[in-house]
Amino acid sequence: MMVYVCGVGDKMNKKQKIAYTLFPGLHPSKYKPTDQARRFHGARDYRFVVVSSGSRAGKTYAAAREFCARIARDVYRFLSIPKSKRPFPSLLYWVVAPTKDLTTKAEEEIRRVANPSFYRMQTMNDVRGMTFTVPVRIEFRSGYIPDALRSFGINGAWVDEAAVCKERSIVGNLRSRLNDRRIGDTPAWCLYTTTPPSDDSFSAGWFERKIVNPARKGLNGEYAYFEFSVIGNTACPHLVEEAKKAERELDRETYEREFLGKWPRKTGLVFTQFDEQRHVYVRPMIAEPVIGYMGIDFGFGNSPSAIVVVLLDANGVFWVVDEAGHRNMLPVRTSTSSSPRLDDGRYATIEDATSAFMSIYPVSEISADPSRNDIIELLARAGYPVTGASVGLGASIDFLQELFKENHIFINEKCKNLIRELGRWGYDNSGSPQRGGDHWIDALRYSFSPIGALSLSNVYDFINGFHAHPASTTEVIDEVGLTAVELDAAFM
């Protein structure tokens, strides 16, 4: 007995009749999945399925049919519930892409599968969609504006080119909508399809970290992960030949990403966007008003303690204005008569540096290494506004990379430890950020904790009431090519 995309065997049951009535393109006479697509369809009991695909490996073609097959299954379950006991009047599904234009390909494939006698194209509340004669609607939405992905709940979704979408759209708003609805014991589901981005496309780091990695691990038995290769797209022999040719001509990383759907292993420096000539300043020109933050990384053994002071101005630009720290730096003063400075001029304790910085800069919050609650409590009892930082390593690295790329962070030339680490910190052989050599970087990451969701768009929300001009910094620097010494004049 052969099993096809909708589980068709020798006989057709009610579930299959519903599927082929609504979506005749699912019938095995019209759809013959490749082996890699067949494995993908076999994961229908998984709630979240990720397909990482080479370019033109058949992901959109297969995903459209999987999307329709899942909807057909939901329709069968929904109609099996007495009308008076149904938890909602109809089923709602979203197709999401980075922009509305990019939903076009997905829409075309779904319409090839669907029965034109059973739906009509209809725009409701400015959202284009397919409204079926049964209680089903499919809407095509952009993931570019996170707040556009709001509703009372959806039954399922397909996110195409998911790695290019904004994190808050997918992890925040969309995921919340998926938690709002169930058909009996069956929760809402989501398909994620994407081509892995290039290694320097830092904006997609959130997708690998929060979606791809859990899927690879089969987290909670809810996630499944598949890779589609162009060579596996046997329905298009000419593409298979093109892939074989590309393997001989392209470097290994590009070939694996573009033709095998594999995510690039990170190598080299972490902050390739950091440019000492561009991002290090002598005299800042900060747009007032400003908010001040401090980050502290506590040292262990031979590792130094590190402190960084950051000002966030009205344009959403971060200015690292000062740093302190060294090995064997005590947390607090041992006596009131002890000197706040060592013989070489460095602050004797973390408390001494904190006290001095708070007297100089408008620091409102201090975020510290959360692994040392004992030191945090000592500083808090001494009267300092310090709490444990709550920033993830991957998210804060992505955020820093975004800030450097968009020229929204600048560092005082006297912060020599931080500048040195930014120019040297790299990935290890496993593709993970190396251990060590990141103490002032950690302090800087911790200082972002009060902001919440780490993205430039959220920074502008965070400084609500300021007059933010997101592009001004980049435009000024790129247009006139200023050096670090001349940087302050660019903002006048």
Protein backbone atom coordinates (compact mmCIF):
# COMPACT_ATOMS: atom_id res chain seq x y z
CA MET A 1 0.00 0.00 0.00
CA MET A 2 1.41 3.40 -0.97
CA VAL A 3 1.05 6.35 1.38
CA TYR A 4 0.78 9.79 -0.17
CA VAL A 5 0.71 13.29 1.23
CA CYS A 6 -2.78 12.88 2.70
CA GLY A 7 -2.34 9.30 3.81
CA VAL A 8 -4.19 7.87 0.84
CA GLY A 9 -4.22 4.11 0.54
CA ASP A 10 -6.42 1.78 -1.45
CA LYS A 11 -9.63 3.34 -0.12
CA MET A 12 -10.69 6.91 0.37
CA ASN A 13 -12.15 7.80 3.76
CA LYS A 14 -14.11 10.87 4.82
CA LYS A 15 -10.97 12.76 5.80
CA GLN A 16 -9.46 12.21 2.36
CA LYS A 17 -12.69 13.15 0.60
CA ILE A 18 -12.65 16.49 2.41
CA ALA A 19 -9.01 16.99 1.48
CA TYR A 20 -9.48 16.26 -2.21
CA THR A 21 -12.69 18.28 -2.43
CA LEU A 22 -11.09 21.41 -1.00
CA PHE A 23 -7.60 20.77 -2.36
CA PRO A 24 -7.70 18.50 -5.43
CA GLY A 25 -4.04 19.31 -6.07
CA LEU A 26 -3.17 17.00 -3.17
CA HIS A 27 -4.39 13.93 -5.02
CA PRO A 28 -1.53 11.53 -5.87
CA SER A 29 -2.42 11.78 -9.54
CA LYS A 30 -1.42 15.46 -9.37
CA TYR A 31 1.24 15.56 -6.67
CA LYS A 32 4.14 13.15 -6.54
CA PRO A 33 6.47 14.30 -3.75
CA THR A 34 10.21 13.81 -3.91
CA ASP A 35 11.83 11.67 -1.24
CA GLN A 36 12.85 14.71 0.80
CA ALA A 37 9.33 16.14 0.53
CA ARG A 38 7.84 12.79 1.54
CA ARG A 39 9.90 12.78 4.74
CA PHE A 40 8.69 16.32 5.42
CA HIS A 41 5.04 15.29 4.97
CA GLY A 42 5.64 12.40 7.35
CA ALA A 43 6.14 14.89 10.20
CA ARG A 44 2.52 16.04 10.24
CA ASP A 45 2.06 15.16 13.89
CA TYR A 46 4.77 17.64 14.85
CA ARG A 47 3.50 21.05 15.82
CA PHE A 48 6.45 23.09 14.54
CA VAL A 49 8.31 21.98 11.42
CA VAL A 50 11.32 23.76 9.96
CA VAL A 51 12.54 23.28 6.39
CA SER A 52 15.98 24.72 5.69
CA SER A 53 16.37 24.63 1.96
CA GLY A 54 18.74 25.34 -0.84
CA SER A 55 17.57 27.84 -3.42
CA ARG A 56 15.05 26.19 -5.79
CA ALA A 57 15.10 22.92 -3.88
CA GLY A 58 11.31 22.67 -3.87
CA LYS A 59 10.54 23.99 -0.39
CA THR A 60 7.73 26.36 -1.40
CA TYR A 61 6.14 23.75 -3.66
CA ALA A 62 6.15 21.10 -0.92
CA ALA A 63 5.27 23.50 1.91
CA ALA A 64 2.17 24.79 0.10
CA ARG A 65 0.88 21.23 -0.18
CA GLU A 66 1.73 20.41 3.42
CA PHE A 67 -0.01 23.60 4.50
CA CYS A 68 -3.17 22.63 2.60
CA ALA A 69 -3.05 19.04 3.87
CA ARG A 70 -2.88 20.24 7.47
CA ILE A 71 -5.80 22.58 6.89
CA ALA A 72 -7.82 19.70 5.41
CA ARG A 73 -7.06 17.61 8.50
CA ASP A 74 -8.18 20.48 10.74
CA VAL A 75 -11.39 20.90 8.75
CA TYR A 76 -12.22 17.23 9.25
CA ARG A 77 -11.65 17.50 13.00
CA PHE A 78 -13.53 20.79 13.24
CA LEU A 79 -16.59 19.54 11.36
CA SER A 80 -16.62 16.43 13.56
CA ILE A 81 -17.43 18.64 16.55
CA PRO A 82 -21.15 19.46 17.00
CA LYS A 83 -21.73 23.03 15.88
CA SER A 84 -22.99 24.10 19.29
CA LYS A 85 -19.76 22.90 20.93
CA ARG A 86 -17.22 24.37 18.54
CA PRO A 87 -14.82 26.73 20.38
CA PHE A 88 -14.86 29.28 17.52
CA PRO A 89 -17.06 29.83 14.46
CA SER A 90 -14.40 29.25 11.78
CA LEU A 91 -10.77 28.30 11.15
CA LEU A 92 -8.18 30.97 10.41
CA TYR A 93 -4.72 30.47 8.87
CA TRP A 94 -1.90 32.82 7.99
CA VAL A 95 0.76 32.75 5.31
CA VAL A 96 3.52 35.11 6.43
CA ALA A 97 6.55 36.35 4.49
CA PRO A 98 9.01 39.22 5.09
CA THR A 99 6.94 41.47 2.79
CA LYS A 100 3.51 41.23 1.19
CA ASP A 101 5.11 40.87 -2.24
CA LEU A 102 6.96 37.77 -1.06
CA THR A 103 3.67 36.07 -0.14
CA THR A 104 2.79 36.01 -3.85
CA LYS A 105 4.69 32.80 -4.63
CA ALA A 106 3.11 31.00 -1.68
CA GLU A 107 -0.33 32.23 -2.71
CA GLU A 108 0.18 30.99 -6.27
CA GLU A 109 1.11 27.51 -5.07
CA ILE A 110 -1.83 27.30 -2.66
CA ARG A 111 -4.25 28.38 -5.39
CA ARG A 112 -2.86 25.69 -7.68
CA VAL A 113 -3.78 23.13 -5.03
CA ALA A 114 -7.16 24.57 -3.98
CA ASN A 115 -10.50 23.98 -5.68
CA PRO A 116 -11.53 27.33 -7.25
CA SER A 117 -15.19 26.42 -6.80
CA PHE A 118 -14.79 26.41 -3.03
CA TYR A 119 -13.13 29.76 -2.33
CA ARG A 120 -13.06 33.38 -3.40
CA MET A 121 -10.34 35.97 -3.01
CA GLN A 122 -11.51 38.54 -0.51
CA THR A 123 -9.87 41.48 1.27
CA MET A 124 -11.04 41.94 4.84
CA ASN A 125 -9.71 44.72 7.08
CA ASP A 126 -7.08 45.46 4.42
CA VAL A 127 -5.81 41.86 4.52
CA ARG A 128 -5.93 39.80 1.34
CA GLY A 129 -7.11 36.23 1.74
CA MET A 130 -8.94 33.15 0.48
CA THR A 131 -12.40 32.71 2.01
CA PHE A 132 -13.75 29.17 1.56
CA THR A 133 -17.35 27.97 1.42
CA VAL A 134 -16.55 25.84 4.46
CA PRO A 135 -15.60 27.77 7.63
CA VAL A 136 -11.98 28.42 6.59
CA ARG A 137 -10.03 31.55 5.72
CA ILE A 138 -6.38 31.82 4.65
CA GLU A 139 -4.79 35.27 4.98
CA PHE A 140 -1.57 36.53 3.41
CA ARG A 141 0.38 38.79 5.74
CA SER A 142 3.70 40.60 5.94
CA GLY A 143 6.11 39.94 8.79
CA TYR A 144 7.75 43.33 8.29
CA ILE A 145 5.56 45.18 10.80
CA PRO A 146 5.27 43.12 14.01
CA ASP A 147 2.09 44.81 15.20
CA ALA A 148 0.32 43.78 11.99
CA LEU A 149 0.44 40.17 13.20
CA ARG A 150 -2.31 40.53 15.75
CA SER A 151 -5.68 38.82 15.97
CA PHE A 152 -7.77 36.80 18.38
CA GLY A 153 -5.92 33.62 17.45
CA ILE A 154 -5.15 31.42 14.47
CA ASN A 155 -5.23 27.68 13.87
CA GLY A 156 -2.04 27.41 11.85
CA ALA A 157 0.56 29.32 9.90
CA TRP A 158 3.23 29.00 7.26
CA VAL A 159 6.16 31.42 7.44
CA ASP A 160 8.12 31.51 4.19
CA GLU A 161 11.68 32.90 4.12
CA ALA A 162 11.29 32.95 7.88
CA ALA A 163 14.92 33.84 8.67
CA VAL A 164 14.46 37.22 6.98
CA CYS A 165 11.39 38.14 9.04
CA LYS A 166 11.68 40.26 12.15
CA GLU A 167 12.13 38.39 15.40
CA ARG A 168 9.33 40.20 17.22
CA SER A 169 6.93 39.33 14.40
CA ILE A 170 7.59 35.60 14.56
CA VAL A 171 8.69 34.79 18.11
CA GLY A 172 6.46 37.42 19.71
CA ASN A 173 3.18 38.17 18.00
CA LEU A 174 2.79 35.12 15.75
CA ARG A 175 3.67 32.63 18.47
CA SER A 176 1.14 34.26 20.80
CA ARG A 177 -1.58 33.83 18.19
CA LEU A 178 -0.73 30.13 17.89
CA ASN A 179 -1.30 29.67 21.62
CA ASP A 180 -4.84 31.03 21.46
CA ARG A 181 -6.63 28.20 19.62
CA ARG A 182 -7.09 24.44 19.79
CA ILE A 183 -9.33 22.00 17.94
CA GLY A 184 -10.16 19.55 20.67
CA ASP A 185 -6.77 18.40 21.97
CA THR A 186 -4.93 19.59 18.86
CA PRO A 187 -3.02 22.88 19.24
CA ALA A 188 -2.33 25.34 16.46
CA TRP A 189 0.75 24.61 14.34
CA CYS A 190 3.34 26.37 12.19
CA LEU A 191 5.58 25.57 9.22
CA TYR A 192 8.81 27.55 8.82
CA THR A 193 10.58 27.46 5.46
CA THR A 194 13.72 29.41 4.63
CA THR A 195 17.01 29.45 2.79
CA PRO A 196 19.90 29.91 5.25
CA PRO A 197 21.36 33.42 5.11
CA SER A 198 24.98 34.22 4.46
CA ASP A 199 27.32 34.24 7.45
CA ASP A 200 27.40 38.06 7.59
CA SER A 201 23.61 38.33 7.73
CA PHE A 202 23.54 38.76 11.51
CA SER A 203 19.85 39.67 11.54
CA ALA A 204 18.93 36.02 11.01
CA GLY A 205 20.80 34.86 14.11
CA TRP A 206 17.63 34.89 16.16
CA PHE A 207 15.97 32.40 13.80
CA GLU A 208 18.75 29.86 14.03
CA ARG A 209 18.93 30.26 17.79
CA LYS A 210 15.22 30.23 18.62
CA ILE A 211 13.66 28.14 15.83
CA VAL A 212 16.27 26.05 14.00
CA ASN A 213 18.20 24.80 17.04
CA PRO A 214 15.09 23.63 18.95
CA ALA A 215 13.89 21.91 15.77
CA ARG A 216 17.23 20.13 15.31
CA LYS A 217 16.94 18.84 18.88
CA GLY A 218 13.27 17.86 18.52
CA LEU A 219 12.45 20.04 21.52
CA ASN A 220 9.56 18.75 23.67
CA GLY A 221 8.59 16.35 20.92
CA GLU A 222 6.94 19.30 19.14
CA TYR A 223 9.67 20.30 16.68
CA ALA A 224 10.98 18.62 13.53
CA TYR A 225 13.75 19.77 11.20
CA PHE A 226 14.46 18.98 7.54
CA GLU A 227 16.99 20.11 4.97
CA PHE A 228 16.01 20.28 1.30
CA SER A 229 18.87 20.11 -1.18
CA VAL A 230 18.73 21.06 -4.83
CA ILE A 231 20.17 17.64 -5.65
CA GLY A 232 17.20 16.12 -3.81
CA ASN A 233 14.75 18.01 -6.04
CA THR A 234 14.54 15.12 -8.49
CA ALA A 235 11.40 16.59 -10.06
CA CYS A 236 13.69 19.10 -11.82
CA PRO A 237 16.65 17.18 -13.34
CA HIS A 238 18.16 20.32 -14.87
CA LEU A 239 18.49 21.84 -11.39
CA VAL A 240 20.22 18.71 -10.14
CA GLU A 241 22.79 19.06 -12.91
CA GLU A 242 23.21 22.74 -12.08
CA ALA A 243 23.86 21.83 -8.44
CA LYS A 244 26.54 19.33 -9.41
CA LYS A 245 28.21 21.99 -11.52
CA ALA A 246 28.02 24.52 -8.67
CA GLU A 247 29.71 22.06 -6.30
CA ARG A 248 32.78 22.14 -8.52
CA GLU A 249 32.80 25.92 -8.93
CA LEU A 250 31.71 27.46 -5.61
CA ASP A 251 33.44 27.57 -2.25
CA ARG A 252 32.17 24.93 0.17
CA GLU A 253 30.26 27.26 2.48
CA THR A 254 28.34 28.98 -0.32
CA TYR A 255 27.54 25.66 -1.97
CA GLU A 256 26.25 24.11 1.25
CA ARG A 257 24.09 27.13 2.01
CA GLU A 258 22.66 27.79 -1.45
CA PHE A 259 22.33 24.21 -2.71
CA LEU A 260 22.16 21.95 0.35
CA GLY A 261 20.19 24.20 2.71
CA LYS A 262 22.83 24.00 5.45
CA TRP A 263 23.38 26.80 7.92
CA PRO A 264 26.88 28.32 7.78
CA ARG A 265 29.21 27.55 10.65
CA LYS A 266 30.39 30.78 12.21
CA THR A 267 34.10 31.49 11.88
CA GLY A 268 36.45 34.43 12.33
CA LEU A 269 35.66 37.51 14.41
CA VAL A 270 32.29 37.94 16.10
CA PHE A 271 32.00 41.67 15.46
CA THR A 272 33.12 42.04 11.87
CA GLN A 273 31.01 45.22 11.62
CA PHE A 274 33.11 46.96 14.28
CA ASP A 275 35.40 49.53 12.65
CA GLU A 276 37.78 51.28 15.02
CA GLN A 277 38.10 54.27 12.68
CA ARG A 278 34.36 54.70 12.53
CA HIS A 279 33.08 53.60 15.93
CA VAL A 280 35.71 55.04 18.30
CA TYR A 281 35.33 58.72 19.20
CA VAL A 282 37.34 61.38 20.98
CA ARG A 283 34.60 63.90 21.79
CA PRO A 284 30.95 62.85 21.57
CA MET A 285 28.06 65.02 20.45
CA ILE A 286 25.20 63.35 22.26
CA ALA A 287 21.59 64.25 21.49
CA GLU A 288 19.89 65.09 24.76
CA PRO A 289 18.07 63.96 26.78
CA VAL A 290 20.01 60.84 27.66
CA ILE A 291 19.56 57.77 29.86
CA GLY A 292 22.59 56.22 31.54
CA TYR A 293 23.25 52.54 32.19
CA MET A 294 26.07 50.55 33.69
CA GLY A 295 27.02 46.92 33.11
CA ILE A 296 29.24 44.85 35.42
CA ASP A 297 30.93 41.51 34.76
CA PHE A 298 32.35 39.94 37.91
CA GLY A 299 35.79 38.36 37.67
CA PHE A 300 36.69 34.82 38.73
CA GLY A 301 40.20 33.66 39.56
CA ASN A 302 42.54 35.29 37.07
CA SER A 303 39.66 36.82 35.11
CA PRO A 304 39.19 40.56 35.64
CA SER A 305 36.06 42.29 36.78
CA ALA A 306 34.82 44.70 34.11
CA ILE A 307 32.58 47.76 34.25
CA VAL A 308 31.15 49.75 31.34
CA VAL A 309 29.08 52.96 31.34
CA VAL A 310 26.70 53.55 28.41
CA LEU A 311 24.53 56.55 27.56
CA LEU A 312 21.50 56.19 25.30
CA ASP A 313 20.61 59.45 23.58
CA ALA A 314 17.43 60.82 22.04
CA ASN A 315 18.37 59.52 18.58
CA GLY A 316 18.63 55.94 19.81
CA VAL A 317 22.44 56.03 19.68
CA PHE A 318 24.51 54.30 22.38
CA TRP A 319 27.64 56.07 23.63
CA VAL A 320 30.09 53.98 25.67
CA VAL A 321 31.64 56.74 27.75
CA ASP A 322 33.79 54.98 30.34
CA GLU A 323 35.12 51.68 31.64
CA ALA A 324 36.96 50.28 34.64
CA GLY A 325 38.13 46.95 35.96
CA HIS A 326 41.09 44.69 36.65
CA ARG A 327 42.02 41.36 38.22
CA ASN A 328 41.54 40.92 41.98
CA MET A 329 39.09 43.83 42.11
CA LEU A 330 37.17 43.50 45.38
CA PRO A 331 33.38 43.92 45.30
CA VAL A 332 33.01 46.52 48.08
CA ARG A 333 35.17 48.60 50.38
CA THR A 334 36.59 46.74 53.35
CA SER A 335 36.72 49.88 55.49
CA THR A 336 35.59 53.49 55.31
CA SER A 337 39.19 54.68 55.53
CA SER A 338 40.45 52.68 52.55
CA SER A 339 41.42 54.65 49.45
CA PRO A 340 39.11 54.40 46.42
CA ARG A 341 42.16 54.28 44.15
CA LEU A 342 45.15 51.97 43.93
CA ASP A 343 48.65 53.36 43.56
CA ASP A 344 48.41 53.03 39.77
CA GLY A 345 45.20 55.08 39.69
CA ARG A 346 42.77 52.23 39.09
CA TYR A 347 39.65 51.94 41.23
CA ALA A 348 40.24 49.67 44.20
CA THR A 349 36.78 48.07 44.27
CA ILE A 350 33.69 47.67 42.12
CA GLU A 351 31.88 49.87 44.63
CA ASP A 352 34.48 52.63 44.24
CA ALA A 353 34.16 52.61 40.45
CA THR A 354 30.37 52.50 40.65
CA SER A 355 30.24 55.41 43.09
CA ALA A 356 32.56 57.50 40.93
CA PHE A 357 30.71 56.78 37.70
CA MET A 358 27.32 57.55 39.23
CA SER A 359 28.63 60.93 40.39
CA ILE A 360 29.83 61.74 36.86
CA TYR A 361 27.20 60.20 34.56
CA PRO A 362 23.37 60.06 34.72
CA VAL A 363 23.27 56.32 35.47
CA SER A 364 19.76 55.17 36.34
CA GLU A 365 20.19 51.39 36.34
CA ILE A 366 23.03 48.92 36.84
CA SER A 367 22.81 45.41 35.37
CA ALA A 368 25.34 42.89 36.61
CA ASP A 369 26.53 39.35 35.95
CA PRO A 370 23.54 37.28 37.20
CA SER A 371 25.77 34.38 38.29
CA ARG A 372 26.93 36.28 41.39
CA ASN A 373 23.83 37.15 43.39
CA ASP A 374 25.98 37.46 46.51
CA ILE A 375 27.91 40.42 45.07
CA ILE A 376 24.75 41.94 43.62
CA GLU A 377 23.18 41.85 47.09
CA LEU A 378 26.26 43.49 48.63
CA LEU A 379 26.10 46.37 46.14
CA ALA A 380 22.33 46.70 46.53
CA ARG A 381 22.65 46.89 50.32
CA ALA A 382 25.23 49.63 49.80
CA GLY A 383 22.51 51.64 48.05
CA TYR A 384 23.27 51.08 44.36
CA PRO A 385 20.44 50.40 41.85
CA VAL A 386 21.87 47.05 40.73
CA THR A 387 20.02 43.94 39.55
CA GLY A 388 20.99 40.75 37.76
CA ALA A 389 21.13 41.16 33.99
CA SER A 390 18.63 39.26 31.84
CA VAL A 391 20.10 39.23 28.33
CA GLY A 392 20.82 36.15 26.27
CA LEU A 393 24.25 35.72 24.72
CA GLY A 394 23.00 35.18 21.17
CA ALA A 395 20.40 37.95 21.27
CA SER A 396 22.84 40.52 22.65
CA ILE A 397 25.52 39.58 20.10
CA ASP A 398 22.98 40.02 17.31
CA PHE A 399 21.98 43.37 18.78
CA LEU A 400 25.57 44.62 19.01
CA GLN A 401 26.20 43.54 15.42
CA GLU A 402 23.10 45.47 14.37
CA LEU A 403 24.23 48.57 16.28
CA PHE A 404 27.67 48.52 14.65
CA LYS A 405 26.24 47.97 11.19
CA GLU A 406 23.74 50.82 11.55
CA ASN A 407 26.28 53.10 13.29
CA HIS A 408 24.19 53.35 16.42
CA ILE A 409 26.97 52.72 18.92
CA PHE A 410 30.21 54.65 19.51
CA ILE A 411 32.97 54.03 22.03
CA ASN A 412 35.19 56.50 23.86
CA GLU A 413 38.83 56.04 22.89
CA LYS A 414 39.77 55.67 26.56
CA CYS A 415 37.79 52.39 26.77
CA LYS A 416 40.86 50.49 25.63
CA ASN A 417 39.91 47.13 27.12
CA LEU A 418 36.54 47.08 25.37
CA ILE A 419 38.04 48.23 22.07
CA ARG A 420 40.71 45.53 22.28
CA GLU A 421 38.16 42.77 22.95
CA LEU A 422 35.83 43.90 20.16
CA GLY A 423 38.71 43.69 17.70
CA ARG A 424 39.83 40.22 18.80
CA TRP A 425 36.86 38.19 20.04
CA GLY A 426 36.10 35.32 17.66
CA TYR A 427 34.38 31.97 17.20
CA ASP A 428 35.88 28.66 18.26
CA ASN A 429 36.13 25.51 16.13
CA SER A 430 32.53 24.55 16.92
CA GLY A 431 31.20 27.87 15.62
CA SER A 432 30.37 29.18 19.11
CA PRO A 433 31.76 32.42 20.59
CA GLN A 434 35.06 31.61 22.28
CA ARG A 435 35.34 31.51 26.05
CA GLY A 436 37.43 34.29 27.58
CA GLY A 437 38.61 37.61 26.24
CA ASP A 438 35.08 39.01 26.50
CA HIS A 439 34.84 40.55 29.98
CA TRP A 440 34.16 44.14 28.94
CA ILE A 441 31.99 42.86 26.09
CA ASP A 442 29.94 41.00 28.71
CA ALA A 443 29.64 44.17 30.77
CA LEU A 444 28.43 46.01 27.67
CA ARG A 445 25.91 43.26 26.91
CA TYR A 446 24.60 43.38 30.47
CA SER A 447 24.09 47.15 30.23
CA PHE A 448 21.41 46.54 27.58
CA SER A 449 19.25 44.57 30.01
CA PRO A 450 16.80 47.40 30.89
CA ILE A 451 15.85 47.80 27.23
CA GLY A 452 14.05 44.46 27.04
CA ALA A 453 13.74 43.06 23.52
CA LEU A 454 17.06 43.79 21.84
CA SER A 455 16.43 45.44 18.49
CA LEU A 456 16.75 48.97 17.15
CA SER A 457 13.00 49.17 16.58
CA ASN A 458 12.42 48.41 20.24
CA VAL A 459 15.02 51.00 21.26
CA TYR A 460 12.92 53.67 19.55
CA ASP A 461 9.87 52.46 21.45
CA PHE A 462 11.92 52.40 24.64
CA ILE A 463 12.92 56.05 24.34
CA ASN A 464 9.33 57.06 23.64
CA GLY A 465 9.06 60.81 24.12
CA PHE A 466 12.44 61.46 22.52
CA HIS A 467 12.59 62.68 18.93
CA ALA A 468 14.31 59.72 17.28
CA HIS A 469 15.81 59.98 13.80
CA PRO A 470 16.85 56.39 13.06
CA ALA A 471 18.86 57.03 9.90
CA SER A 472 20.59 60.27 10.84
CA THR A 473 23.81 58.82 12.24
CA THR A 474 24.46 56.44 9.36
CA GLU A 475 23.54 59.02 6.73
CA VAL A 476 25.86 61.68 8.12
CA ILE A 477 28.86 59.38 8.45
CA ASP A 478 28.40 57.66 5.10
CA GLU A 479 27.85 60.91 3.26
CA VAL A 480 30.84 62.87 4.50
CA GLY A 481 33.16 60.02 5.54
CA LEU A 482 34.12 61.45 8.92
CA THR A 483 36.98 60.16 11.03
CA ALA A 484 36.56 59.38 14.72
CA VAL A 485 38.17 62.70 15.65
CA GLU A 486 35.66 64.63 13.56
CA LEU A 487 32.66 62.59 14.62
CA ASP A 488 31.21 65.06 17.09
CA ALA A 489 30.87 67.79 14.46
CA ALA A 490 28.73 65.53 12.29
CA PHE A 491 25.81 65.69 14.70
CA MET A 492 25.58 69.47 15.02
